[in-house]
Amino acid sequence: MYFIVVKFETTPESTEQFPEIVREFTEKTRQEPGNLFFEWSRSLENPAEYVLVEAFTDEGAGPHVQSEHFAKGLEAMRPCLTKTPSIVSRQVDGNGWDAMGELQID
């Protein structure tokens, strides 16, 4: 699977509205056949920073970045950002989340 983490730093005037700005992009991505998960969080240290954790099947990553909603989503985000997003993108073994071995809760 392709495992991707992206950090987006928003402008002060866009920070609170950012979840709504990316709503359509998020919903359409989650409907893609190759999407395993697509989850947004907000940084505790920097409230203007949103973190996207996403994963796609090996076959699903290419169609995602070539989709119309991907291009539209990036353009919707562009005016809301203070800088180029930071990304970690790796192909890894697996097909989703696993239980954490070091911290088991019964």
PDB file of N, CA and C in Angstrom:
ATOM      1  N   MET A   1       0.846  -1.177   0.000  1.00  0.00           N
ATOM      2  CA  MET A   1       0.000   0.000   0.000  1.00  0.00           C
ATOM      3  C   MET A   1       0.889   1.237   0.000  1.00  0.00           C
ATOM      4  N   TYR A   2       0.316   2.342  -0.436  1.00  0.00           N
ATOM      5  CA  TYR A   2       0.998   3.630  -0.350  1.00  0.00           C
ATOM      6  C   TYR A   2       0.478   4.334   0.899  1.00  0.00           C
ATOM      7  N   PHE A   3       1.401   4.678   1.784  1.00  0.00           N
ATOM      8  CA  PHE A   3       1.091   5.357   3.042  1.00  0.00           C
ATOM      9  C   PHE A   3       1.635   6.771   2.939  1.00  0.00           C
ATOM     10  N   ILE A   4       0.773   7.753   3.174  1.00  0.00           N
ATOM     11  CA  ILE A   4       1.122   9.145   2.930  1.00  0.00           C
ATOM     12  C   ILE A   4       0.696   9.993   4.126  1.00  0.00           C
ATOM     13  N   VAL A   5       1.598  10.878   4.554  1.00  0.00           N
ATOM     14  CA  VAL A   5       1.281  11.865   5.586  1.00  0.00           C
ATOM     15  C   VAL A   5       1.659  13.230   5.025  1.00  0.00           C
ATOM     16  N   VAL A   6       0.719  14.169   5.079  1.00  0.00           N
ATOM     17  CA  VAL A   6       0.965  15.509   4.545  1.00  0.00           C
ATOM     18  C   VAL A   6       0.596  16.537   5.609  1.00  0.00           C
ATOM     19  N   LYS A   7       1.477  17.543   5.781  1.00  0.00           N
ATOM     20  CA  LYS A   7       1.211  18.645   6.708  1.00  0.00           C
ATOM     21  C   LYS A   7       0.900  19.904   5.899  1.00  0.00           C
ATOM     22  N   PHE A   8      -0.233  20.537   6.234  1.00  0.00           N
ATOM     23  CA  PHE A   8      -0.693  21.741   5.559  1.00  0.00           C
ATOM     24  C   PHE A   8      -0.748  22.872   6.578  1.00  0.00           C
ATOM     25  N   GLU A   9      -0.018  23.954   6.347  1.00  0.00           N
ATOM     26  CA  GLU A   9      -0.097  25.117   7.233  1.00  0.00           C
ATOM     27  C   GLU A   9      -1.003  26.158   6.599  1.00  0.00           C
ATOM     28  N   THR A  10      -2.069  26.481   7.304  1.00  0.00           N
ATOM     29  CA  THR A  10      -3.104  27.365   6.769  1.00  0.00           C
ATOM     30  C   THR A  10      -2.876  28.825   7.145  1.00  0.00           C
ATOM     31  N   THR A  11      -3.432  29.701   6.334  1.00  0.00           N
ATOM     32  CA  THR A  11      -3.391  31.130   6.640  1.00  0.00           C
ATOM     33  C   THR A  11      -4.337  31.409   7.810  1.00  0.00           C
ATOM     34  N   PRO A  12      -4.087  32.475   8.553  1.00  0.00           N
ATOM     35  CA  PRO A  12      -4.969  32.777   9.695  1.00  0.00           C
ATOM     36  C   PRO A  12      -6.444  32.892   9.309  1.00  0.00           C
ATOM     37  N   GLU A  13      -6.722  33.480   8.157  1.00  0.00           N
ATOM     38  CA  GLU A  13      -8.122  33.644   7.756  1.00  0.00           C
ATOM     39  C   GLU A  13      -8.766  32.358   7.228  1.00  0.00           C
ATOM     40  N   SER A  14      -7.973  31.315   6.973  1.00  0.00           N
ATOM     41  CA  SER A  14      -8.496  30.051   6.444  1.00  0.00           C
ATOM     42  C   SER A  14      -8.523  28.919   7.457  1.00  0.00           C
ATOM     43  N   THR A  15      -7.855  29.094   8.576  1.00  0.00           N
ATOM     44  CA  THR A  15      -7.664  27.984   9.515  1.00  0.00           C
ATOM     45  C   THR A  15      -8.968  27.347   9.967  1.00  0.00           C
ATOM     46  N   GLU A  16      -9.908  28.120  10.424  1.00  0.00           N
ATOM     47  CA  GLU A  16     -11.148  27.548  10.959  1.00  0.00           C
ATOM     48  C   GLU A  16     -12.041  26.964   9.860  1.00  0.00           C
ATOM     49  N   GLN A  17     -11.961  27.500   8.651  1.00  0.00           N
ATOM     50  CA  GLN A  17     -12.802  27.038   7.544  1.00  0.00           C
ATOM     51  C   GLN A  17     -12.166  25.889   6.759  1.00  0.00           C
ATOM     52  N   PHE A  18     -10.910  25.567   7.040  1.00  0.00           N
ATOM     53  CA  PHE A  18     -10.199  24.585   6.225  1.00  0.00           C
ATOM     54  C   PHE A  18     -10.918  23.239   6.123  1.00  0.00           C
ATOM     55  N   PRO A  19     -11.454  22.677   7.207  1.00  0.00           N
ATOM     56  CA  PRO A  19     -12.181  21.404   7.054  1.00  0.00           C
ATOM     57  C   PRO A  19     -13.324  21.482   6.040  1.00  0.00           C
ATOM     58  N   GLU A  20     -14.022  22.585   6.004  1.00  0.00           N
ATOM     59  CA  GLU A  20     -15.106  22.743   5.028  1.00  0.00           C
ATOM     60  C   GLU A  20     -14.542  22.919   3.621  1.00  0.00           C
ATOM     61  N   ILE A  21     -13.428  23.611   3.497  1.00  0.00           N
ATOM     62  CA  ILE A  21     -12.795  23.835   2.193  1.00  0.00           C
ATOM     63  C   ILE A  21     -12.372  22.512   1.556  1.00  0.00           C
ATOM     64  N   VAL A  22     -11.938  21.555   2.370  1.00  0.00           N
ATOM     65  CA  VAL A  22     -11.470  20.255   1.842  1.00  0.00           C
ATOM     66  C   VAL A  22     -12.538  19.161   1.933  1.00  0.00           C
ATOM     67  N   ARG A  23     -13.753  19.521   2.348  1.00  0.00           N
ATOM     68  CA  ARG A  23     -14.807  18.512   2.541  1.00  0.00           C
ATOM     69  C   ARG A  23     -15.115  17.717   1.278  1.00  0.00           C
ATOM     70  N   GLU A  24     -15.353  18.390   0.163  1.00  0.00           N
ATOM     71  CA  GLU A  24     -15.697  17.683  -1.077  1.00  0.00           C
ATOM     72  C   GLU A  24     -14.540  16.779  -1.529  1.00  0.00           C
ATOM     73  N   PHE A  25     -13.331  17.308  -1.485  1.00  0.00           N
ATOM     74  CA  PHE A  25     -12.150  16.532  -1.834  1.00  0.00           C
ATOM     75  C   PHE A  25     -12.050  15.282  -0.949  1.00  0.00           C
ATOM     76  N   THR A  26     -12.269  15.454   0.337  1.00  0.00           N
ATOM     77  CA  THR A  26     -12.195  14.345   1.288  1.00  0.00           C
ATOM     78  C   THR A  26     -13.258  13.295   0.987  1.00  0.00           C
ATOM     79  N   GLU A  27     -14.489  13.728   0.825  1.00  0.00           N
ATOM     80  CA  GLU A  27     -15.588  12.787   0.571  1.00  0.00           C
ATOM     81  C   GLU A  27     -15.372  12.001  -0.713  1.00  0.00           C
ATOM     82  N   LYS A  28     -14.959  12.664  -1.776  1.00  0.00           N
ATOM     83  CA  LYS A  28     -14.753  11.973  -3.050  1.00  0.00           C
ATOM     84  C   LYS A  28     -13.560  11.023  -2.979  1.00  0.00           C
ATOM     85  N   THR A  29     -12.518  11.414  -2.273  1.00  0.00           N
ATOM     86  CA  THR A  29     -11.358  10.529  -2.136  1.00  0.00           C
ATOM     87  C   THR A  29     -11.731   9.278  -1.354  1.00  0.00           C
ATOM     88  N   ARG A  30     -12.489   9.435  -0.300  1.00  0.00           N
ATOM     89  CA  ARG A  30     -12.902   8.277   0.514  1.00  0.00           C
ATOM     90  C   ARG A  30     -13.764   7.306  -0.272  1.00  0.00           C
ATOM     91  N   GLN A  31     -14.396   7.759  -1.341  1.00  0.00           N
ATOM     92  CA  GLN A  31     -15.229   6.892  -2.177  1.00  0.00           C
ATOM     93  C   GLN A  31     -14.431   6.140  -3.237  1.00  0.00           C
ATOM     94  N   GLU A  32     -13.167   6.496  -3.419  1.00  0.00           N
ATOM     95  CA  GLU A  32     -12.354   5.826  -4.429  1.00  0.00           C
ATOM     96  C   GLU A  32     -12.162   4.351  -4.064  1.00  0.00           C
ATOM     97  N   PRO A  33     -12.232   3.445  -5.048  1.00  0.00           N
ATOM     98  CA  PRO A  33     -12.060   2.023  -4.762  1.00  0.00           C
ATOM     99  C   PRO A  33     -10.704   1.692  -4.134  1.00  0.00           C
ATOM    100  N   GLY A  34      -9.662   2.426  -4.465  1.00  0.00           N
ATOM    101  CA  GLY A  34      -8.328   2.133  -3.951  1.00  0.00           C
ATOM    102  C   GLY A  34      -7.983   2.823  -2.654  1.00  0.00           C
ATOM    103  N   ASN A  35      -8.907   3.617  -2.095  1.00  0.00           N
ATOM    104  CA  ASN A  35      -8.625   4.321  -0.843  1.00  0.00           C
ATOM    105  C   ASN A  35      -8.823   3.397   0.347  1.00  0.00           C
ATOM    106  N   LEU A  36      -7.814   3.323   1.211  1.00  0.00           N
ATOM    107  CA  LEU A  36      -7.910   2.521   2.434  1.00  0.00           C
ATOM    108  C   LEU A  36      -8.318   3.383   3.627  1.00  0.00           C
ATOM    109  N   PHE A  37      -7.776   4.575   3.717  1.00  0.00           N
ATOM    110  CA  PHE A  37      -8.216   5.559   4.701  1.00  0.00           C
ATOM    111  C   PHE A  37      -7.715   6.932   4.297  1.00  0.00           C
ATOM    112  N   PHE A  38      -8.405   7.947   4.809  1.00  0.00           N
ATOM    113  CA  PHE A  38      -8.118   9.336   4.472  1.00  0.00           C
ATOM    114  C   PHE A  38      -8.603  10.151   5.651  1.00  0.00           C
ATOM    115  N   GLU A  39      -7.686  10.504   6.564  1.00  0.00           N
ATOM    116  CA  GLU A  39      -8.063  11.069   7.857  1.00  0.00           C
ATOM    117  C   GLU A  39      -7.321  12.371   8.146  1.00  0.00           C
ATOM    118  N   TRP A  40      -8.068  13.386   8.511  1.00  0.00           N
ATOM    119  CA  TRP A  40      -7.522  14.686   8.861  1.00  0.00           C
ATOM    120  C   TRP A  40      -7.406  14.823  10.370  1.00  0.00           C
ATOM    121  N   SER A  41      -6.329  15.485  10.819  1.00  0.00           N
ATOM    122  CA  SER A  41      -6.139  15.863  12.220  1.00  0.00           C
ATOM    123  C   SER A  41      -5.596  17.281  12.250  1.00  0.00           C
ATOM    124  N   ARG A  42      -5.648  17.850  13.438  1.00  0.00           N
ATOM    125  CA  ARG A  42      -5.114  19.195  13.623  1.00  0.00           C
ATOM    126  C   ARG A  42      -3.999  19.126  14.657  1.00  0.00           C
ATOM    127  N   SER A  43      -2.908  19.790  14.376  1.00  0.00           N
ATOM    128  CA  SER A  43      -1.756  19.778  15.260  1.00  0.00           C
ATOM    129  C   SER A  43      -2.087  20.386  16.624  1.00  0.00           C
ATOM    130  N   LEU A  44      -1.590  19.753  17.688  1.00  0.00           N
ATOM    131  CA  LEU A  44      -1.753  20.307  19.028  1.00  0.00           C
ATOM    132  C   LEU A  44      -0.778  21.453  19.271  1.00  0.00           C
ATOM    133  N   GLU A  45       0.373  21.403  18.599  1.00  0.00           N
ATOM    134  CA  GLU A  45       1.399  22.426  18.776  1.00  0.00           C
ATOM    135  C   GLU A  45       1.161  23.666  17.919  1.00  0.00           C
ATOM    136  N   ASN A  46       0.576  23.472  16.748  1.00  0.00           N
ATOM    137  CA  ASN A  46       0.357  24.575  15.816  1.00  0.00           C
ATOM    138  C   ASN A  46      -1.074  24.484  15.292  1.00  0.00           C
ATOM    139  N   PRO A  47      -2.006  25.221  15.866  1.00  0.00           N
ATOM    140  CA  PRO A  47      -3.411  25.116  15.452  1.00  0.00           C
ATOM    141  C   PRO A  47      -3.672  25.450  13.989  1.00  0.00           C
ATOM    142  N   ALA A  48      -2.734  26.094  13.333  1.00  0.00           N
ATOM    143  CA  ALA A  48      -2.888  26.404  11.905  1.00  0.00           C
ATOM    144  C   ALA A  48      -2.463  25.246  11.015  1.00  0.00           C
ATOM    145  N   GLU A  49      -1.945  24.183  11.611  1.00  0.00           N
ATOM    146  CA  GLU A  49      -1.442  23.044  10.824  1.00  0.00           C
ATOM    147  C   GLU A  49      -2.431  21.882  10.874  1.00  0.00           C
ATOM    148  N   TYR A  50      -2.820  21.427   9.680  1.00  0.00           N
ATOM    149  CA  TYR A  50      -3.643  20.232   9.537  1.00  0.00           C
ATOM    150  C   TYR A  50      -2.770  19.110   8.992  1.00  0.00           C
ATOM    151  N   VAL A  51      -3.009  17.901   9.492  1.00  0.00           N
ATOM    152  CA  VAL A  51      -2.223  16.741   9.082  1.00  0.00           C
ATOM    153  C   VAL A  51      -3.176  15.735   8.441  1.00  0.00           C
ATOM    154  N   LEU A  52      -2.826  15.308   7.251  1.00  0.00           N
ATOM    155  CA  LEU A  52      -3.615  14.319   6.521  1.00  0.00           C
ATOM    156  C   LEU A  52      -2.852  13.003   6.519  1.00  0.00           C
ATOM    157  N   VAL A  53      -3.499  11.941   7.004  1.00  0.00           N
ATOM    158  CA  VAL A  53      -2.929  10.593   6.981  1.00  0.00           C
ATOM    159  C   VAL A  53      -3.801   9.786   6.029  1.00  0.00           C
ATOM    160  N   GLU A  54      -3.174   9.255   4.995  1.00  0.00           N
ATOM    161  CA  GLU A  54      -3.953   8.552   3.968  1.00  0.00           C
ATOM    162  C   GLU A  54      -3.209   7.314   3.487  1.00  0.00           C
ATOM    163  N   ALA A  55      -3.960   6.381   2.940  1.00  0.00           N
ATOM    164  CA  ALA A  55      -3.365   5.192   2.352  1.00  0.00           C
ATOM    165  C   ALA A  55      -4.224   4.720   1.188  1.00  0.00           C
ATOM    166  N   PHE A  56      -3.528   4.155   0.201  1.00  0.00           N
ATOM    167  CA  PHE A  56      -4.165   3.630  -0.996  1.00  0.00           C
ATOM    168  C   PHE A  56      -3.580   2.270  -1.321  1.00  0.00           C
ATOM    169  N   THR A  57      -4.379   1.446  -1.952  1.00  0.00           N
ATOM    170  CA  THR A  57      -3.836   0.199  -2.479  1.00  0.00           C
ATOM    171  C   THR A  57      -2.770   0.551  -3.510  1.00  0.00           C
ATOM    172  N   ASP A  58      -1.910  -0.401  -3.820  1.00  0.00           N
ATOM    173  CA  ASP A  58      -0.872  -0.154  -4.824  1.00  0.00           C
ATOM    174  C   ASP A  58      -1.493   0.301  -6.141  1.00  0.00           C
ATOM    175  N   GLU A  59      -2.642  -0.266  -6.483  1.00  0.00           N
ATOM    176  CA  GLU A  59      -3.310   0.073  -7.734  1.00  0.00           C
ATOM    177  C   GLU A  59      -4.106   1.372  -7.636  1.00  0.00           C
ATOM    178  N   GLY A  60      -4.423   1.804  -6.412  1.00  0.00           N
ATOM    179  CA  GLY A  60      -5.292   2.959  -6.237  1.00  0.00           C
ATOM    180  C   GLY A  60      -4.590   4.299  -6.180  1.00  0.00           C
ATOM    181  N   ALA A  61      -3.285   4.294  -5.924  1.00  0.00           N
ATOM    182  CA  ALA A  61      -2.565   5.563  -5.764  1.00  0.00           C
ATOM    183  C   ALA A  61      -2.525   6.368  -7.065  1.00  0.00           C
ATOM    184  N   GLY A  62      -2.238   5.727  -8.161  1.00  0.00           N
ATOM    185  CA  GLY A  62      -2.151   6.420  -9.449  1.00  0.00           C
ATOM    186  C   GLY A  62      -3.459   7.068  -9.860  1.00  0.00           C
ATOM    187  N   PRO A  63      -4.558   6.315  -9.855  1.00  0.00           N
ATOM    188  CA  PRO A  63      -5.839   6.932 -10.215  1.00  0.00           C
ATOM    189  C   PRO A  63      -6.233   8.088  -9.283  1.00  0.00           C
ATOM    190  N   HIS A  64      -5.821   8.015  -8.030  1.00  0.00           N
ATOM    191  CA  HIS A  64      -6.143   9.102  -7.096  1.00  0.00           C
ATOM    192  C   HIS A  64      -5.521  10.418  -7.553  1.00  0.00           C
ATOM    193  N   VAL A  65      -4.221  10.412  -7.811  1.00  0.00           N
ATOM    194  CA  VAL A  65      -3.554  11.674  -8.177  1.00  0.00           C
ATOM    195  C   VAL A  65      -3.911  12.129  -9.592  1.00  0.00           C
ATOM    196  N   GLN A  66      -4.522  11.258 -10.373  1.00  0.00           N
ATOM    197  CA  GLN A  66      -4.942  11.630 -11.723  1.00  0.00           C
ATOM    198  C   GLN A  66      -6.421  12.013 -11.787  1.00  0.00           C
ATOM    199  N   SER A  67      -7.107  11.949 -10.646  1.00  0.00           N
ATOM    200  CA  SER A  67      -8.548  12.222 -10.641  1.00  0.00           C
ATOM    201  C   SER A  67      -8.838  13.712 -10.730  1.00  0.00           C
ATOM    202  N   GLU A  68     -10.019  14.021 -11.218  1.00  0.00           N
ATOM    203  CA  GLU A  68     -10.466  15.413 -11.331  1.00  0.00           C
ATOM    204  C   GLU A  68     -10.596  16.051  -9.950  1.00  0.00           C
ATOM    205  N   HIS A  69     -11.126  15.286  -8.974  1.00  0.00           N
ATOM    206  CA  HIS A  69     -11.309  15.868  -7.643  1.00  0.00           C
ATOM    207  C   HIS A  69      -9.980  16.116  -6.930  1.00  0.00           C
ATOM    208  N   PHE A  70      -8.922  15.376  -7.287  1.00  0.00           N
ATOM    209  CA  PHE A  70      -7.600  15.643  -6.724  1.00  0.00           C
ATOM    210  C   PHE A  70      -7.121  17.024  -7.171  1.00  0.00           C
ATOM    211  N   ALA A  71      -7.167  17.275  -8.477  1.00  0.00           N
ATOM    212  CA  ALA A  71      -6.733  18.570  -9.006  1.00  0.00           C
ATOM    213  C   ALA A  71      -7.600  19.698  -8.447  1.00  0.00           C
ATOM    214  N   LYS A  72      -8.893  19.485  -8.387  1.00  0.00           N
ATOM    215  CA  LYS A  72      -9.817  20.503  -7.870  1.00  0.00           C
ATOM    216  C   LYS A  72      -9.550  20.758  -6.380  1.00  0.00           C
ATOM    217  N   GLY A  73      -9.277  19.686  -5.630  1.00  0.00           N
ATOM    218  CA  GLY A  73      -8.988  19.822  -4.201  1.00  0.00           C
ATOM    219  C   GLY A  73      -7.722  20.613  -3.945  1.00  0.00           C
ATOM    220  N   LEU A  74      -6.669  20.352  -4.730  1.00  0.00           N
ATOM    221  CA  LEU A  74      -5.422  21.094  -4.567  1.00  0.00           C
ATOM    222  C   LEU A  74      -5.628  22.570  -4.861  1.00  0.00           C
ATOM    223  N   GLU A  75      -6.386  22.872  -5.888  1.00  0.00           N
ATOM    224  CA  GLU A  75      -6.635  24.274  -6.226  1.00  0.00           C
ATOM    225  C   GLU A  75      -7.468  24.970  -5.153  1.00  0.00           C
ATOM    226  N   ALA A  76      -8.386  24.247  -4.533  1.00  0.00           N
ATOM    227  CA  ALA A  76      -9.182  24.831  -3.448  1.00  0.00           C
ATOM    228  C   ALA A  76      -8.304  25.133  -2.230  1.00  0.00           C
ATOM    229  N   MET A  77      -7.312  24.296  -1.988  1.00  0.00           N
ATOM    230  CA  MET A  77      -6.411  24.482  -0.850  1.00  0.00           C
ATOM    231  C   MET A  77      -5.398  25.596  -1.072  1.00  0.00           C
ATOM    232  N   ARG A  78      -4.930  25.738  -2.298  1.00  0.00           N
ATOM    233  CA  ARG A  78      -3.803  26.630  -2.602  1.00  0.00           C
ATOM    234  C   ARG A  78      -3.901  28.013  -1.946  1.00  0.00           C
ATOM    235  N   PRO A  79      -5.005  28.750  -2.072  1.00  0.00           N
ATOM    236  CA  PRO A  79      -5.046  30.091  -1.478  1.00  0.00           C
ATOM    237  C   PRO A  79      -5.120  30.078   0.053  1.00  0.00           C
ATOM    238  N   CYS A  80      -5.333  28.914   0.634  1.00  0.00           N
ATOM    239  CA  CYS A  80      -5.486  28.791   2.087  1.00  0.00           C
ATOM    240  C   CYS A  80      -4.182  28.466   2.800  1.00  0.00           C
ATOM    241  N   LEU A  81      -3.110  28.249   2.056  1.00  0.00           N
ATOM    242  CA  LEU A  81      -1.860  27.756   2.632  1.00  0.00           C
ATOM    243  C   LEU A  81      -0.781  28.834   2.671  1.00  0.00           C
ATOM    244  N   THR A  82       0.045  28.764   3.716  1.00  0.00           N
ATOM    245  CA  THR A  82       1.143  29.728   3.860  1.00  0.00           C
ATOM    246  C   THR A  82       2.416  29.265   3.175  1.00  0.00           C
ATOM    247  N   LYS A  83       2.515  27.949   2.903  1.00  0.00           N
ATOM    248  CA  LYS A  83       3.716  27.405   2.273  1.00  0.00           C
ATOM    249  C   LYS A  83       3.391  26.064   1.634  1.00  0.00           C
ATOM    250  N   THR A  84       4.341  25.553   0.867  1.00  0.00           N
ATOM    251  CA  THR A  84       4.194  24.245   0.241  1.00  0.00           C
ATOM    252  C   THR A  84       4.051  23.177   1.324  1.00  0.00           C
ATOM    253  N   PRO A  85       3.055  22.295   1.216  1.00  0.00           N
ATOM    254  CA  PRO A  85       2.893  21.243   2.216  1.00  0.00           C
ATOM    255  C   PRO A  85       4.117  20.324   2.285  1.00  0.00           C
ATOM    256  N   SER A  86       4.337  19.748   3.461  1.00  0.00           N
ATOM    257  CA  SER A  86       5.389  18.753   3.680  1.00  0.00           C
ATOM    258  C   SER A  86       4.756  17.379   3.570  1.00  0.00           C
ATOM    259  N   ILE A  87       5.483  16.433   2.952  1.00  0.00           N
ATOM    260  CA  ILE A  87       4.897  15.116   2.715  1.00  0.00           C
ATOM    261  C   ILE A  87       5.906  14.002   2.988  1.00  0.00           C
ATOM    262  N   VAL A  88       5.386  12.895   3.490  1.00  0.00           N
ATOM    263  CA  VAL A  88       6.090  11.620   3.542  1.00  0.00           C
ATOM    264  C   VAL A  88       5.203  10.658   2.770  1.00  0.00           C
ATOM    265  N   SER A  89       5.743  10.050   1.732  1.00  0.00           N
ATOM    266  CA  SER A  89       4.980   9.115   0.903  1.00  0.00           C
ATOM    267  C   SER A  89       5.844   7.890   0.662  1.00  0.00           C
ATOM    268  N   ARG A  90       5.366   6.730   1.119  1.00  0.00           N
ATOM    269  CA  ARG A  90       6.143   5.505   0.992  1.00  0.00           C
ATOM    270  C   ARG A  90       5.239   4.336   0.614  1.00  0.00           C
ATOM    271  N   GLN A  91       5.800   3.436  -0.153  1.00  0.00           N
ATOM    272  CA  GLN A  91       5.109   2.180  -0.404  1.00  0.00           C
ATOM    273  C   GLN A  91       5.538   1.223   0.706  1.00  0.00           C
ATOM    274  N   VAL A  92       4.570   0.676   1.424  1.00  0.00           N
ATOM    275  CA  VAL A  92       4.850  -0.188   2.565  1.00  0.00           C
ATOM    276  C   VAL A  92       4.036  -1.468   2.459  1.00  0.00           C
ATOM    277  N   ASP A  93       4.465  -2.496   3.175  1.00  0.00           N
ATOM    278  CA  ASP A  93       3.700  -3.737   3.246  1.00  0.00           C
ATOM    279  C   ASP A  93       2.466  -3.500   4.107  1.00  0.00           C
ATOM    280  N   GLY A  94       1.404  -4.201   3.808  1.00  0.00           N
ATOM    281  CA  GLY A  94       0.193  -4.116   4.601  1.00  0.00           C
ATOM    282  C   GLY A  94      -0.978  -3.629   3.778  1.00  0.00           C
ATOM    283  N   ASN A  95      -2.138  -3.601   4.438  1.00  0.00           N
ATOM    284  CA  ASN A  95      -3.349  -3.136   3.759  1.00  0.00           C
ATOM    285  C   ASN A  95      -4.246  -2.338   4.695  1.00  0.00           C
ATOM    286  N   GLY A  96      -3.631  -1.714   5.700  1.00  0.00           N
ATOM    287  CA  GLY A  96      -4.400  -0.896   6.631  1.00  0.00           C
ATOM    288  C   GLY A  96      -3.752  -0.846   7.994  1.00  0.00           C
ATOM    289  N   TRP A  97      -4.515  -0.417   8.964  1.00  0.00           N
ATOM    290  CA  TRP A  97      -4.020  -0.284  10.334  1.00  0.00           C
ATOM    291  C   TRP A  97      -3.878  -1.642  11.003  1.00  0.00           C
ATOM    292  N   ASP A  98      -2.841  -1.800  11.810  1.00  0.00           N
ATOM    293  CA  ASP A  98      -2.634  -2.995  12.634  1.00  0.00           C
ATOM    294  C   ASP A  98      -2.683  -2.576  14.101  1.00  0.00           C
ATOM    295  N   ALA A  99      -2.890  -3.535  14.995  1.00  0.00           N
ATOM    296  CA  ALA A  99      -2.871  -3.256  16.435  1.00  0.00           C
ATOM    297  C   ALA A  99      -1.437  -2.975  16.876  1.00  0.00           C
ATOM    298  N   MET A 100      -1.275  -2.033  17.770  1.00  0.00           N
ATOM    299  CA  MET A 100       0.044  -1.687  18.298  1.00  0.00           C
ATOM    300  C   MET A 100       0.507  -2.770  19.261  1.00  0.00           C
ATOM    301  N   GLY A 101       1.617  -3.412  18.950  1.00  0.00           N
ATOM    302  CA  GLY A 101       2.117  -4.509  19.768  1.00  0.00           C
ATOM    303  C   GLY A 101       2.621  -4.090  21.128  1.00  0.00           C
ATOM    304  N   GLU A 102       3.170  -2.869  21.238  1.00  0.00           N
ATOM    305  CA  GLU A 102       3.762  -2.409  22.483  1.00  0.00           C
ATOM    306  C   GLU A 102       2.739  -1.893  23.506  1.00  0.00           C
ATOM    307  N   LEU A 103       1.505  -1.691  23.079  1.00  0.00           N
ATOM    308  CA  LEU A 103       0.483  -1.164  23.991  1.00  0.00           C
ATOM    309  C   LEU A 103      -0.834  -1.861  23.703  1.00  0.00           C
ATOM    310  N   GLN A 104      -1.021  -2.990  24.347  1.00  0.00           N
ATOM    311  CA  GLN A 104      -2.240  -3.771  24.156  1.00  0.00           C
ATOM    312  C   GLN A 104      -3.257  -3.410  25.226  1.00  0.00           C
ATOM    313  N   ILE A 105      -4.487  -3.194  24.828  1.00  0.00           N
ATOM    314  CA  ILE A 105      -5.586  -2.907  25.749  1.00  0.00           C
ATOM    315  C   ILE A 105      -6.582  -4.053  25.646  1.00  0.00           C
ATOM    316  N   ASP A 106      -6.840  -4.688  26.767  1.00  0.00           N
ATOM    317  CA  ASP A 106      -7.769  -5.833  26.776  1.00  0.00           C
ATOM    318  C   ASP A 106      -9.185  -5.405  26.989  1.00  0.00           C
TER     319      ASP A 106
END
